């Protein structure tokens, strides 16, 4: 029997966390909270961490804050727990740049950042990483997104997401997570019909979870979608300290392949 056949593959369970880190600042940029955010991320002990609005560098902030990390923020957050990470630069400005990132306890065998900006100054991206969990015969596709504020832009970007996911082999697992800015709840139908993706919290509770603003969530902007997952279960995270760490609350889920 071939060593890589499906019968040799072991079921694998892993934990996913997604959070828009707001460049390390609280709502309205009142306080720099990246160090506290790192501790909160570590406490969740996720295998995959999807980050949006994470800084690659910012020269002005680095000169203003004594505790500003000297390394890119995704590398600072990864620390020693996530040996693998990938970054997709979306927005570039005079003082630096920010984008999406993935921290992974599984080997990242390939990654590519897709510019899905439509027009104007709003820059958006879609970071695709191919992961190879040990003992699992098929790769896992992790896609981290941050979609636009305008409905017409999101419609275009959601179609781009579907095109990307449909380019993967049909039997390989997909985890799509990030900040969808989809307060009109139109992404669920588009992604389900267009690419067979199911949102974890919608499947469990019948609706997406409100995540924005973090202190008193009113809008369900953040999501975790999956395809080819045997089981996907949402996890409940405590309100504190997350309500003070960013303008978005995080989402977490257990995935079984």
C-alpha atoms as a PDB file:
ATOM      1  CA  UNK A   1       0.000   0.000   0.000  1.00  0.00           C
ATOM      2  CA  UNK A   2       1.306   3.442  -0.840  1.00  0.00           C
ATOM      3  CA  UNK A   3       2.583   5.308   2.263  1.00  0.00           C
ATOM      4  CA  UNK A   4       0.674   8.466   1.350  1.00  0.00           C
ATOM      5  CA  UNK A   5      -2.700   6.832   0.792  1.00  0.00           C
ATOM      6  CA  UNK A   6      -5.781   8.171   2.533  1.00  0.00           C
ATOM      7  CA  UNK A   7      -5.936   5.140   4.863  1.00  0.00           C
ATOM      8  CA  UNK A   8      -2.560   6.118   6.361  1.00  0.00           C
ATOM      9  CA  UNK A   9      -3.693   9.645   7.196  1.00  0.00           C
ATOM     10  CA  UNK A  10      -4.525  10.343  10.830  1.00  0.00           C
ATOM     11  CA  UNK A  11      -7.468  12.524  11.854  1.00  0.00           C
ATOM     12  CA  UNK A  12      -6.176  15.844  13.062  1.00  0.00           C
ATOM     13  CA  UNK A  13      -7.746  18.446  15.338  1.00  0.00           C
ATOM     14  CA  UNK A  14      -6.462  21.987  15.588  1.00  0.00           C
ATOM     15  CA  UNK A  15      -7.514  25.312  17.047  1.00  0.00           C
ATOM     16  CA  UNK A  16      -7.920  28.488  14.997  1.00  0.00           C
ATOM     17  CA  UNK A  17      -7.900  32.089  16.231  1.00  0.00           C
ATOM     18  CA  UNK A  18      -8.589  35.192  14.150  1.00  0.00           C
ATOM     19  CA  UNK A  19      -8.291  38.808  15.297  1.00  0.00           C
ATOM     20  CA  UNK A  20      -7.894  42.234  13.742  1.00  0.00           C
ATOM     21  CA  UNK A  21      -5.090  43.634  15.929  1.00  0.00           C
ATOM     22  CA  UNK A  22      -5.629  47.288  14.878  1.00  0.00           C
ATOM     23  CA  UNK A  23      -1.863  47.789  14.508  1.00  0.00           C
ATOM     24  CA  UNK A  24      -1.379  47.034  18.209  1.00  0.00           C
ATOM     25  CA  UNK A  25      -3.574  49.875  19.495  1.00  0.00           C
ATOM     26  CA  UNK A  26      -6.871  50.092  21.343  1.00  0.00           C
ATOM     27  CA  UNK A  27      -9.966  51.781  19.912  1.00  0.00           C
ATOM     28  CA  UNK A  28      -9.214  55.332  18.740  1.00  0.00           C
ATOM     29  CA  UNK A  29      -5.471  54.528  19.098  1.00  0.00           C
ATOM     30  CA  UNK A  30      -5.546  55.531  22.767  1.00  0.00           C
ATOM     31  CA  UNK A  31      -3.014  52.984  24.035  1.00  0.00           C
ATOM     32  CA  UNK A  32      -0.358  50.732  22.541  1.00  0.00           C
ATOM     33  CA  UNK A  33      -1.322  47.223  23.701  1.00  0.00           C
ATOM     34  CA  UNK A  34       0.743  44.812  21.629  1.00  0.00           C
ATOM     35  CA  UNK A  35       2.515  43.267  24.628  1.00  0.00           C
ATOM     36  CA  UNK A  36      -0.787  42.544  26.380  1.00  0.00           C
ATOM     37  CA  UNK A  37      -2.215  41.292  23.097  1.00  0.00           C
ATOM     38  CA  UNK A  38       0.646  38.817  22.731  1.00  0.00           C
ATOM     39  CA  UNK A  39      -0.118  37.343  26.163  1.00  0.00           C
ATOM     40  CA  UNK A  40      -3.811  37.007  25.305  1.00  0.00           C
ATOM     41  CA  UNK A  41      -3.003  35.294  21.990  1.00  0.00           C
ATOM     42  CA  UNK A  42      -0.631  32.911  23.770  1.00  0.00           C
ATOM     43  CA  UNK A  43      -3.301  32.019  26.337  1.00  0.00           C
ATOM     44  CA  UNK A  44      -5.673  30.819  23.604  1.00  0.00           C
ATOM     45  CA  UNK A  45      -2.974  28.333  22.488  1.00  0.00           C
ATOM     46  CA  UNK A  46      -4.243  28.204  18.913  1.00  0.00           C
ATOM     47  CA  UNK A  47      -2.407  26.200  16.283  1.00  0.00           C
ATOM     48  CA  UNK A  48      -3.225  28.768  13.581  1.00  0.00           C
ATOM     49  CA  UNK A  49      -3.541  32.500  14.242  1.00  0.00           C
ATOM     50  CA  UNK A  50      -5.015  34.724  11.511  1.00  0.00           C
ATOM     51  CA  UNK A  51      -4.057  38.390  11.951  1.00  0.00           C
ATOM     52  CA  UNK A  52      -5.341  41.478  10.174  1.00  0.00           C
ATOM     53  CA  UNK A  53      -3.987  45.042  10.361  1.00  0.00           C
ATOM     54  CA  UNK A  54      -0.672  43.779  11.712  1.00  0.00           C
ATOM     55  CA  UNK A  55       2.305  46.109  11.316  1.00  0.00           C
ATOM     56  CA  UNK A  56       5.388  45.152   9.384  1.00  0.00           C
ATOM     57  CA  UNK A  57       7.071  48.380  10.460  1.00  0.00           C
ATOM     58  CA  UNK A  58       6.190  51.926  11.518  1.00  0.00           C
ATOM     59  CA  UNK A  59       9.078  54.369  11.987  1.00  0.00           C
ATOM     60  CA  UNK A  60       7.054  57.075  13.740  1.00  0.00           C
ATOM     61  CA  UNK A  61       5.529  54.714  16.301  1.00  0.00           C
ATOM     62  CA  UNK A  62       8.926  53.134  16.898  1.00  0.00           C
ATOM     63  CA  UNK A  63      10.335  56.524  17.908  1.00  0.00           C
ATOM     64  CA  UNK A  64       7.348  57.419  20.130  1.00  0.00           C
ATOM     65  CA  UNK A  65       6.860  54.242  22.184  1.00  0.00           C
ATOM     66  CA  UNK A  66       9.670  52.861  24.338  1.00  0.00           C
ATOM     67  CA  UNK A  67       8.228  49.339  24.251  1.00  0.00           C
ATOM     68  CA  UNK A  68       7.667  49.273  20.494  1.00  0.00           C
ATOM     69  CA  UNK A  69       9.129  45.983  19.160  1.00  0.00           C
ATOM     70  CA  UNK A  70      12.226  46.178  16.992  1.00  0.00           C
ATOM     71  CA  UNK A  71      10.969  43.287  14.860  1.00  0.00           C
ATOM     72  CA  UNK A  72       7.817  43.101  12.689  1.00  0.00           C
ATOM     73  CA  UNK A  73       4.732  42.719  14.862  1.00  0.00           C
ATOM     74  CA  UNK A  74       3.751  39.348  13.420  1.00  0.00           C
ATOM     75  CA  UNK A  75       7.207  38.056  14.371  1.00  0.00           C
ATOM     76  CA  UNK A  76       6.862  39.579  17.851  1.00  0.00           C
ATOM     77  CA  UNK A  77       3.469  37.905  18.305  1.00  0.00           C
ATOM     78  CA  UNK A  78       4.773  34.574  17.017  1.00  0.00           C
ATOM     79  CA  UNK A  79       7.557  34.624  19.621  1.00  0.00           C
ATOM     80  CA  UNK A  80       8.678  31.060  20.367  1.00  0.00           C
ATOM     81  CA  UNK A  81       5.240  29.399  20.119  1.00  0.00           C
ATOM     82  CA  UNK A  82       4.665  29.655  16.367  1.00  0.00           C
ATOM     83  CA  UNK A  83       7.807  28.712  14.515  1.00  0.00           C
ATOM     84  CA  UNK A  84       6.186  29.326  11.141  1.00  0.00           C
ATOM     85  CA  UNK A  85       4.683  32.599   9.964  1.00  0.00           C
ATOM     86  CA  UNK A  86       3.839  34.427   6.756  1.00  0.00           C
ATOM     87  CA  UNK A  87       3.054  38.071   6.081  1.00  0.00           C
ATOM     88  CA  UNK A  88       1.199  39.745   3.248  1.00  0.00           C
ATOM     89  CA  UNK A  89       1.855  43.473   2.960  1.00  0.00           C
ATOM     90  CA  UNK A  90      -1.289  45.349   1.931  1.00  0.00           C
ATOM     91  CA  UNK A  91      -0.949  49.047   2.787  1.00  0.00           C
ATOM     92  CA  UNK A  92       2.299  50.985   2.345  1.00  0.00           C
ATOM     93  CA  UNK A  93       2.781  54.553   3.606  1.00  0.00           C
ATOM     94  CA  UNK A  94       5.586  56.956   4.476  1.00  0.00           C
ATOM     95  CA  UNK A  95       6.137  55.552   7.968  1.00  0.00           C
ATOM     96  CA  UNK A  96       5.814  51.858   7.181  1.00  0.00           C
ATOM     97  CA  UNK A  97       3.324  49.184   6.139  1.00  0.00           C
ATOM     98  CA  UNK A  98       0.731  46.738   7.465  1.00  0.00           C
ATOM     99  CA  UNK A  99      -1.206  43.740   6.214  1.00  0.00           C
ATOM    100  CA  UNK A 100      -2.380  40.218   7.038  1.00  0.00           C
ATOM    101  CA  UNK A 101      -0.334  37.484   8.684  1.00  0.00           C
ATOM    102  CA  UNK A 102      -0.622  33.834   9.632  1.00  0.00           C
ATOM    103  CA  UNK A 103       1.136  32.249  12.606  1.00  0.00           C
ATOM    104  CA  UNK A 104       1.298  28.461  12.348  1.00  0.00           C
ATOM    105  CA  UNK A 105       2.470  25.506  14.400  1.00  0.00           C
ATOM    106  CA  UNK A 106       2.336  23.463  11.180  1.00  0.00           C
ATOM    107  CA  UNK A 107       4.942  23.779   8.428  1.00  0.00           C
ATOM    108  CA  UNK A 108       4.071  26.403   5.811  1.00  0.00           C
ATOM    109  CA  UNK A 109       5.171  24.883   2.516  1.00  0.00           C
ATOM    110  CA  UNK A 110       4.093  27.804   0.334  1.00  0.00           C
ATOM    111  CA  UNK A 111       2.467  31.210   0.683  1.00  0.00           C
ATOM    112  CA  UNK A 112       1.315  33.979  -1.617  1.00  0.00           C
ATOM    113  CA  UNK A 113      -0.281  37.350  -0.982  1.00  0.00           C
ATOM    114  CA  UNK A 114      -2.997  38.480  -3.384  1.00  0.00           C
ATOM    115  CA  UNK A 115      -3.791  42.166  -3.810  1.00  0.00           C
ATOM    116  CA  UNK A 116      -7.595  42.364  -3.938  1.00  0.00           C
ATOM    117  CA  UNK A 117      -7.829  46.158  -3.743  1.00  0.00           C
ATOM    118  CA  UNK A 118     -10.458  47.571  -6.093  1.00  0.00           C
ATOM    119  CA  UNK A 119      -9.830  51.302  -6.494  1.00  0.00           C
ATOM    120  CA  UNK A 120      -8.902  54.353  -4.470  1.00  0.00           C
ATOM    121  CA  UNK A 121      -6.688  54.504  -1.373  1.00  0.00           C
ATOM    122  CA  UNK A 122      -8.210  51.506   0.448  1.00  0.00           C
ATOM    123  CA  UNK A 123      -5.740  48.622   0.150  1.00  0.00           C
ATOM    124  CA  UNK A 124      -6.920  45.075   0.862  1.00  0.00           C
ATOM    125  CA  UNK A 125      -5.280  41.674   0.640  1.00  0.00           C
ATOM    126  CA  UNK A 126      -5.790  37.924   0.744  1.00  0.00           C
ATOM    127  CA  UNK A 127      -2.921  35.842   2.163  1.00  0.00           C
ATOM    128  CA  UNK A 128      -2.944  32.182   1.081  1.00  0.00           C
ATOM    129  CA  UNK A 129      -0.765  29.682   2.947  1.00  0.00           C
ATOM    130  CA  UNK A 130      -0.384  25.972   2.221  1.00  0.00           C
ATOM    131  CA  UNK A 131       0.174  23.990   5.419  1.00  0.00           C
ATOM    132  CA  UNK A 132       1.258  20.394   5.919  1.00  0.00           C
ATOM    133  CA  UNK A 133       0.094  19.048   9.298  1.00  0.00           C
ATOM    134  CA  UNK A 134       2.309  16.143  10.414  1.00  0.00           C
ATOM    135  CA  UNK A 135       0.650  12.770   9.880  1.00  0.00           C
ATOM    136  CA  UNK A 136      -2.015  14.169   7.554  1.00  0.00           C
ATOM    137  CA  UNK A 137      -1.776  13.057   3.940  1.00  0.00           C
ATOM    138  CA  UNK A 138      -3.267  16.204   2.414  1.00  0.00           C
ATOM    139  CA  UNK A 139      -2.267  19.851   2.799  1.00  0.00           C
ATOM    140  CA  UNK A 140      -4.513  22.437   4.437  1.00  0.00           C
ATOM    141  CA  UNK A 141      -5.175  25.798   2.787  1.00  0.00           C
ATOM    142  CA  UNK A 142      -5.299  28.740   5.201  1.00  0.00           C
ATOM    143  CA  UNK A 143      -6.573  32.006   3.735  1.00  0.00           C
ATOM    144  CA  UNK A 144      -6.457  35.225   5.763  1.00  0.00           C
ATOM    145  CA  UNK A 145      -8.513  38.130   4.412  1.00  0.00           C
ATOM    146  CA  UNK A 146      -9.386  41.736   5.159  1.00  0.00           C
ATOM    147  CA  UNK A 147     -12.172  42.962   2.900  1.00  0.00           C
ATOM    148  CA  UNK A 148     -13.205  46.483   1.953  1.00  0.00           C
ATOM    149  CA  UNK A 149     -15.603  48.916   3.579  1.00  0.00           C
ATOM    150  CA  UNK A 150     -17.669  49.490   0.430  1.00  0.00           C
ATOM    151  CA  UNK A 151     -20.301  46.915  -0.532  1.00  0.00           C
ATOM    152  CA  UNK A 152     -19.343  46.946  -4.223  1.00  0.00           C
ATOM    153  CA  UNK A 153     -15.713  46.323  -3.294  1.00  0.00           C
ATOM    154  CA  UNK A 154     -16.643  43.426  -1.002  1.00  0.00           C
ATOM    155  CA  UNK A 155     -18.763  41.809  -3.709  1.00  0.00           C
ATOM    156  CA  UNK A 156     -15.785  41.863  -6.068  1.00  0.00           C
ATOM    157  CA  UNK A 157     -13.418  40.635  -3.352  1.00  0.00           C
ATOM    158  CA  UNK A 158     -15.719  37.781  -2.328  1.00  0.00           C
ATOM    159  CA  UNK A 159     -15.734  36.600  -5.920  1.00  0.00           C
ATOM    160  CA  UNK A 160     -11.928  36.687  -5.846  1.00  0.00           C
ATOM    161  CA  UNK A 161     -12.009  34.569  -2.679  1.00  0.00           C
ATOM    162  CA  UNK A 162     -14.292  32.035  -4.379  1.00  0.00           C
ATOM    163  CA  UNK A 163     -12.022  31.892  -7.434  1.00  0.00           C
ATOM    164  CA  UNK A 164      -8.994  31.229  -5.233  1.00  0.00           C
ATOM    165  CA  UNK A 165     -10.690  28.524  -3.153  1.00  0.00           C
ATOM    166  CA  UNK A 166     -12.050  26.829  -6.269  1.00  0.00           C
ATOM    167  CA  UNK A 167      -8.511  26.641  -7.633  1.00  0.00           C
ATOM    168  CA  UNK A 168      -7.552  24.263  -4.789  1.00  0.00           C
ATOM    169  CA  UNK A 169      -7.992  20.495  -5.221  1.00  0.00           C
ATOM    170  CA  UNK A 170     -11.583  19.625  -4.314  1.00  0.00           C
ATOM    171  CA  UNK A 171     -10.623  17.177  -1.538  1.00  0.00           C
ATOM    172  CA  UNK A 172      -8.259  19.487   0.368  1.00  0.00           C
ATOM    173  CA  UNK A 173      -9.349  21.299   3.521  1.00  0.00           C
ATOM    174  CA  UNK A 174      -9.753  25.084   3.597  1.00  0.00           C
ATOM    175  CA  UNK A 175      -9.883  27.481   6.527  1.00  0.00           C
ATOM    176  CA  UNK A 176     -10.801  31.037   5.555  1.00  0.00           C
ATOM    177  CA  UNK A 177     -10.746  33.630   8.331  1.00  0.00           C
ATOM    178  CA  UNK A 178     -10.412  37.333   8.905  1.00  0.00           C
ATOM    179  CA  UNK A 179     -12.192  40.672   8.924  1.00  0.00           C
ATOM    180  CA  UNK A 180     -14.928  40.615   6.272  1.00  0.00           C
ATOM    181  CA  UNK A 181     -16.517  44.001   7.094  1.00  0.00           C
ATOM    182  CA  UNK A 182     -19.760  42.272   6.110  1.00  0.00           C
ATOM    183  CA  UNK A 183     -22.321  43.944   8.359  1.00  0.00           C
ATOM    184  CA  UNK A 184     -25.040  43.184   5.783  1.00  0.00           C
ATOM    185  CA  UNK A 185     -24.423  39.418   6.134  1.00  0.00           C
ATOM    186  CA  UNK A 186     -24.161  38.792   2.417  1.00  0.00           C
ATOM    187  CA  UNK A 187     -20.890  36.861   2.449  1.00  0.00           C
ATOM    188  CA  UNK A 188     -22.393  33.632   3.800  1.00  0.00           C
ATOM    189  CA  UNK A 189     -24.511  32.930   0.735  1.00  0.00           C
ATOM    190  CA  UNK A 190     -21.845  34.019  -1.731  1.00  0.00           C
ATOM    191  CA  UNK A 191     -19.134  31.858  -0.167  1.00  0.00           C
ATOM    192  CA  UNK A 192     -21.391  28.849   0.356  1.00  0.00           C
ATOM    193  CA  UNK A 193     -22.814  28.834  -3.152  1.00  0.00           C
ATOM    194  CA  UNK A 194     -19.637  29.991  -4.836  1.00  0.00           C
ATOM    195  CA  UNK A 195     -17.053  27.837  -3.052  1.00  0.00           C
ATOM    196  CA  UNK A 196     -18.803  25.441  -0.634  1.00  0.00           C
ATOM    197  CA  UNK A 197     -17.603  27.302   2.466  1.00  0.00           C
ATOM    198  CA  UNK A 198     -19.520  27.214   5.741  1.00  0.00           C
ATOM    199  CA  UNK A 199     -19.168  29.724   8.568  1.00  0.00           C
ATOM    200  CA  UNK A 200     -18.488  27.980  11.879  1.00  0.00           C
ATOM    201  CA  UNK A 201     -20.642  30.190  14.105  1.00  0.00           C
ATOM    202  CA  UNK A 202     -23.517  30.371  11.600  1.00  0.00           C
ATOM    203  CA  UNK A 203     -23.609  26.576  11.442  1.00  0.00           C
ATOM    204  CA  UNK A 204     -23.576  26.282  15.242  1.00  0.00           C
ATOM    205  CA  UNK A 205     -25.831  29.168  16.281  1.00  0.00           C
ATOM    206  CA  UNK A 206     -27.684  30.209  13.141  1.00  0.00           C
ATOM    207  CA  UNK A 207     -25.951  33.600  12.969  1.00  0.00           C
ATOM    208  CA  UNK A 208     -22.538  35.207  12.908  1.00  0.00           C
ATOM    209  CA  UNK A 209     -21.084  36.495  16.166  1.00  0.00           C
ATOM    210  CA  UNK A 210     -20.845  40.224  16.794  1.00  0.00           C
ATOM    211  CA  UNK A 211     -17.242  41.336  17.170  1.00  0.00           C
ATOM    212  CA  UNK A 212     -17.146  45.099  16.614  1.00  0.00           C
ATOM    213  CA  UNK A 213     -16.562  47.292  18.505  1.00  0.00           C
ATOM    214  CA  UNK A 214     -14.892  44.969  20.982  1.00  0.00           C
ATOM    215  CA  UNK A 215     -16.077  46.748  24.138  1.00  0.00           C
ATOM    216  CA  UNK A 216     -19.756  46.487  23.105  1.00  0.00           C
ATOM    217  CA  UNK A 217     -20.059  44.473  19.891  1.00  0.00           C
ATOM    218  CA  UNK A 218     -22.812  45.528  17.505  1.00  0.00           C
ATOM    219  CA  UNK A 219     -21.570  44.241  14.134  1.00  0.00           C
ATOM    220  CA  UNK A 220     -20.556  40.726  13.062  1.00  0.00           C
ATOM    221  CA  UNK A 221     -17.518  41.608  10.969  1.00  0.00           C
ATOM    222  CA  UNK A 222     -15.113  38.748  11.723  1.00  0.00           C
ATOM    223  CA  UNK A 223     -15.645  35.188  10.475  1.00  0.00           C
ATOM    224  CA  UNK A 224     -14.201  31.681  10.257  1.00  0.00           C
ATOM    225  CA  UNK A 225     -15.272  29.645   7.211  1.00  0.00           C
ATOM    226  CA  UNK A 226     -14.301  26.034   6.464  1.00  0.00           C
ATOM    227  CA  UNK A 227     -14.520  23.466   3.698  1.00  0.00           C
ATOM    228  CA  UNK A 228     -13.826  19.718   3.940  1.00  0.00           C
ATOM    229  CA  UNK A 229     -13.776  19.793   7.742  1.00  0.00           C
ATOM    230  CA  UNK A 230     -15.325  16.768   9.476  1.00  0.00           C
ATOM    231  CA  UNK A 231     -16.233  18.791  12.560  1.00  0.00           C
ATOM    232  CA  UNK A 232     -16.000  22.509  13.247  1.00  0.00           C
ATOM    233  CA  UNK A 233     -16.965  23.849  16.639  1.00  0.00           C
ATOM    234  CA  UNK A 234     -16.880  27.469  17.839  1.00  0.00           C
ATOM    235  CA  UNK A 235     -14.988  28.260  21.023  1.00  0.00           C
ATOM    236  CA  UNK A 236     -16.063  30.830  23.583  1.00  0.00           C
ATOM    237  CA  UNK A 237     -13.398  33.350  24.543  1.00  0.00           C
ATOM    238  CA  UNK A 238     -13.663  35.561  27.637  1.00  0.00           C
ATOM    239  CA  UNK A 239     -14.677  39.173  27.097  1.00  0.00           C
ATOM    240  CA  UNK A 240     -11.725  40.347  29.167  1.00  0.00           C
ATOM    241  CA  UNK A 241      -8.984  41.190  28.436  1.00  0.00           C
ATOM    242  CA  UNK A 242      -9.920  41.181  24.747  1.00  0.00           C
ATOM    243  CA  UNK A 243     -12.329  44.117  25.022  1.00  0.00           C
ATOM    244  CA  UNK A 244      -9.347  46.364  25.857  1.00  0.00           C
ATOM    245  CA  UNK A 245      -6.789  45.032  23.378  1.00  0.00           C
ATOM    246  CA  UNK A 246      -8.157  46.040  19.969  1.00  0.00           C
ATOM    247  CA  UNK A 247     -11.258  47.497  18.361  1.00  0.00           C
ATOM    248  CA  UNK A 248     -12.254  43.971  17.237  1.00  0.00           C
ATOM    249  CA  UNK A 249     -13.068  40.996  19.444  1.00  0.00           C
ATOM    250  CA  UNK A 250     -11.422  37.714  18.378  1.00  0.00           C
ATOM    251  CA  UNK A 251     -13.030  34.480  17.182  1.00  0.00           C
ATOM    252  CA  UNK A 252     -11.790  30.942  17.817  1.00  0.00           C
ATOM    253  CA  UNK A 253     -12.847  27.474  16.705  1.00  0.00           C
ATOM    254  CA  UNK A 254     -11.826  23.826  16.861  1.00  0.00           C
ATOM    255  CA  UNK A 255     -11.448  22.133  13.470  1.00  0.00           C
ATOM    256  CA  UNK A 256     -11.308  18.369  12.911  1.00  0.00           C
ATOM    257  CA  UNK A 257     -10.123  16.928   9.609  1.00  0.00           C
END
